[in-house]
């Protein structure tokens, strides 16, 4: 059998969950069966693809709209069998010009977030919703990462024969290789949270809760446009000493593994990798019901390790009731709280079946 030629498209090498999942996929696909080309709109960001540099094309442009003509030319020139896209603005643009692409090229769209809240809070929301509804059905396959996303897209008119549910992977072994533990000093409750500092991630929700909890500290890992607003909120609430904004931290696992609890206050997500990784590190998670994808994880999580609340008041009561971990003076790695769950090789194998399915559909 000839190798299937795949082009994978990412906007950058930012440290988000979607980028990490795709780069993990590339690393674990069987190169005996696939030739892989990664196209980057630009190579900014802290992540490093573990493939040969001559298998990467960097378009070196700051904005996708500027890069789009070059992207299409590059695709036409290389004639891939399959294109994998995981960001909706890129996916929809490709589907819009699908007839210009090489005849036998299939498009696999991986949806990273719950569709409706994500589109509702995007610029040009109305137009995006229409384009999404019109164009996404033309993808050869749509990968979702939770049952809630599967149901949502099926209701939006995507044929179930074109939908594939594959839960995001967790690299249990490598995640748990911790060289040091970093914890805010003191004997009070130590919370950790991580993600882009944007409205979606809901950091304002947890900051508002902190004002009512004594002897508690929150460390937030991540960068984003809401930083100034969040700092201002801590000042208004007079809790600036309770919150540390660390920015992007490469050794984030050292912080997460040392904390008492990981807080995920997002307003919407698909299946948040950071929560899965926290559980694998032994740090229990507190989050809100809006993160519907985490319902899929409950059967894999140890009892009382994944705590899902209806609202801020419920979470506040919970945080007032818990105590710091008993070993906070001499921290060790706690047991993995996520058992028998998708690892990167499992994920790549399941994704391979989707790739081969769309390829053979075109070539038989």
Foldseek 3Di string as FASTA:
>chain_A
DDAAEEEEEDQECAPAPVNVLVLLLVVQADVVRHDYAYEYCAHDYDDDRPDDPVSYHHVHHDDCVVCVVVVQVVQQVVVGQEYEYEDLVVLLVCQVVVVSGPPNYAYEYEYWWQPPVVLVPDVVSVVSVVSCLPRVLRHQAYEAAFPVSLVSVVVSPRDNVRYDYDHRADALPVLQPAPAADFDDDFFAEEEEEDALDQQQQPVLVLVLVLPAPRAAYEYEAYYDCVVVSCVSCVVSVNNVRYHDDHHDPNVSNHLLLHQAYEREGQITRRHPVQLSSLSQVHAYEYECRHVRCVVQVVQFAPPRYHYYHGSVVVSVVSNPDGGDPCNVPDDGHHRGGPPDHHSNNSSVSVVVVSVVSSVVSVD
